[in-house]
Protein backbone atom coordinates (compact mmCIF):
# COMPACT_ATOMS: atom_id res chain seq x y z
CA MET A 1 124.55 60.93 -39.92
CA GLY A 2 124.69 64.28 -38.45
CA MET A 3 123.47 67.56 -39.83
CA LYS A 4 125.99 70.17 -40.64
CA LYS A 5 125.82 73.13 -38.36
CA LYS A 6 125.68 76.44 -40.21
CA ASP A 7 128.18 79.09 -39.31
CA PRO A 8 126.42 81.91 -37.33
CA SER A 9 128.79 84.50 -38.74
CA LEU A 10 127.22 83.86 -42.17
CA TYR A 11 123.87 85.09 -40.86
CA LEU A 12 125.53 88.06 -39.21
CA ASN A 13 127.25 89.08 -42.46
CA ARG A 14 123.97 88.84 -44.35
CA PHE A 15 122.22 90.88 -41.67
CA ASN A 16 124.92 93.58 -41.79
CA ALA A 17 124.74 93.75 -45.59
CA MET A 18 120.93 94.02 -45.50
CA TYR A 19 121.11 96.66 -42.76
CA HIS A 20 123.53 98.80 -44.79
CA ILE A 21 121.42 98.51 -47.94
CA LEU A 22 118.30 99.60 -46.07
CA LEU A 23 120.16 102.44 -44.37
CA LEU A 24 121.54 103.73 -47.67
CA THR A 25 118.11 103.47 -49.30
CA PHE A 26 116.54 105.41 -46.44
CA LEU A 27 119.22 108.12 -46.59
CA PHE A 28 118.82 108.42 -50.35
CA LEU A 29 115.06 108.81 -50.04
CA LEU A 30 115.44 111.31 -47.23
CA SER A 31 117.89 113.44 -49.19
CA SER A 32 115.61 113.46 -52.23
CA CYS A 33 112.96 115.12 -50.06
CA ALA A 34 115.27 117.98 -49.08
CA THR A 35 113.85 121.43 -49.67
CA TYR A 36 114.91 123.19 -52.81
CA ASN A 37 113.83 126.72 -53.52
CA LYS A 38 112.71 126.29 -57.10
CA ASN A 39 111.07 129.72 -57.13
CA PRO A 40 113.66 132.14 -55.78
CA VAL A 41 112.53 135.71 -55.26
CA THR A 42 114.26 138.62 -56.98
CA SER A 43 113.90 142.07 -55.37
CA LEU A 44 114.40 145.10 -57.62
CA GLU A 45 114.35 148.83 -56.99
CA GLU A 46 115.26 152.03 -58.76
CA ASP A 47 118.49 153.72 -57.72
CA GLN A 48 119.13 157.48 -57.53
CA ASP A 49 120.07 157.64 -61.21
CA GLY A 50 116.81 156.00 -62.28
CA ASN A 51 118.40 152.64 -63.09
CA ILE A 52 116.71 149.43 -62.00
CA LYS A 53 118.97 147.29 -59.83
CA ILE A 54 118.66 143.91 -58.17
CA VAL A 55 118.61 144.33 -54.40
CA ALA A 56 118.34 140.66 -53.45
CA GLY A 57 118.28 137.29 -55.18
CA ASN A 58 119.04 136.69 -58.80
CA GLN A 59 116.98 136.74 -61.92
CA GLN A 60 118.06 133.36 -63.28
CA LYS A 61 114.54 131.91 -63.63
CA LEU A 62 113.16 135.20 -64.97
CA LYS A 63 116.07 136.22 -67.17
CA SER A 64 113.73 137.07 -70.07
CA ILE A 65 111.74 139.52 -67.89
CA ASN A 66 113.20 143.02 -67.83
CA VAL A 67 111.96 145.85 -65.60
CA ILE A 68 112.16 148.86 -67.90
CA ARG A 69 111.12 151.63 -65.50
CA THR A 70 109.30 152.25 -62.28
CA SER A 71 107.27 155.19 -61.07
CA LYS A 72 105.31 156.23 -58.02
CA GLU A 73 102.72 158.78 -57.10
CA THR A 74 100.74 159.55 -54.00
CA LEU A 75 96.96 159.63 -54.12
CA ASN A 76 95.00 160.47 -50.96
CA GLY A 77 98.04 159.64 -48.78
CA LYS A 78 98.55 156.22 -50.35
CA MET A 79 101.38 155.37 -52.70
CA LEU A 80 100.60 153.99 -56.14
CA ALA A 81 103.58 152.09 -57.54
CA LYS A 82 103.99 151.14 -61.18
CA ALA A 83 106.60 148.98 -62.87
CA GLU A 84 106.86 148.50 -66.62
CA VAL A 85 108.12 145.04 -67.46
CA GLN A 86 109.03 143.54 -70.81
CA ASN A 87 109.24 139.93 -71.87
CA ARG A 88 112.33 139.76 -74.10
CA SER A 89 111.48 136.20 -75.09
CA THR A 90 109.25 135.25 -78.00
CA ARG A 91 107.24 132.91 -75.76
CA PRO A 92 104.66 133.82 -73.11
CA LYS A 93 105.97 133.93 -69.55
CA VAL A 94 103.97 133.39 -66.36
CA PHE A 95 105.41 134.79 -63.15
CA MET A 96 104.38 136.29 -59.83
CA TYR A 97 105.02 139.74 -58.39
CA LYS A 98 104.35 141.85 -55.33
CA PHE A 99 105.46 145.17 -53.90
CA ASP A 100 107.34 145.79 -50.65
CA TRP A 101 106.60 149.19 -49.16
CA LEU A 102 109.52 151.11 -47.65
CA ASP A 103 109.43 153.77 -44.94
CA GLY A 104 111.57 156.92 -44.94
CA SER A 105 114.59 155.00 -43.57
CA GLY A 106 114.40 152.39 -46.33
CA ASN A 107 113.07 149.71 -44.00
CA ILE A 108 110.35 147.38 -45.21
CA GLU A 109 107.01 148.08 -43.62
CA THR A 110 104.89 145.12 -42.65
CA SER A 111 103.94 143.76 -46.02
CA THR A 112 100.33 144.20 -46.94
CA SER A 113 100.96 143.22 -50.52
CA THR A 114 100.12 139.74 -51.77
CA TRP A 115 101.62 137.76 -54.63
CA LYS A 116 99.81 138.25 -57.92
CA THR A 117 100.17 136.10 -61.02
CA VAL A 118 100.68 137.71 -64.40
CA THR A 119 101.11 136.35 -67.92
CA ILE A 120 103.07 138.41 -70.38
CA ASN A 121 103.30 137.45 -74.04
CA GLY A 122 106.54 137.37 -75.99
CA GLN A 123 107.99 140.85 -76.66
CA GLU A 124 105.08 142.43 -74.77
CA VAL A 125 105.43 145.34 -72.32
CA LYS A 126 103.05 145.36 -69.38
CA THR A 127 102.57 147.74 -66.43
CA LEU A 128 102.30 146.15 -63.00
CA GLU A 129 100.63 148.23 -60.30
CA GLY A 130 100.30 148.13 -56.54
CA VAL A 131 98.84 150.39 -53.86
CA ASP A 132 100.10 150.81 -50.30
CA ILE A 133 96.68 150.40 -48.70
CA ARG A 134 97.92 151.35 -45.22
CA GLY A 135 99.54 154.59 -46.35
CA GLY A 136 102.78 156.05 -45.11
CA ALA A 137 105.17 154.36 -47.55
CA GLU A 138 107.78 156.62 -49.11
CA ASP A 139 109.25 154.16 -51.59
CA PHE A 140 108.84 150.60 -52.85
CA ARG A 141 110.56 147.52 -54.20
CA ILE A 142 109.11 145.09 -56.67
CA LEU A 143 109.63 141.38 -56.06
CA LEU A 144 109.45 138.82 -58.87
CA LYS A 145 109.45 135.03 -58.83
CA SER A 146 108.60 132.33 -61.32
CA LYS A 147 105.30 130.53 -60.95
């Protein structure tokens, strides 16, 4: 009585199937770790007519936040920027903002502004402020992103 010899190709097929399953699992896990910018930044500035326009990004995550008006003044050689924002929603909204300081050519100076968190209640209007601590800025942009 002899033992039946098992076909080696059976083991090879099982190995290939297992290899492909592990490879697909690894690729799936790797792709789920891909970076996703869940907090895109929206840059806004006032145009020559006094209208607020989006310079970069989109306002999808902050669609209920509206920049009503901006203003600037110079105190002791440093620019003070103000932006009035309104939450059009009925719910409180938490978001982050910072100012980019622009030179006379419209180029962004090395940013000295840091992100600040603000909470604005539903239907509330709030004034956001920033100061160009280095001095020399001639204009500004306000940047918004969701928290």
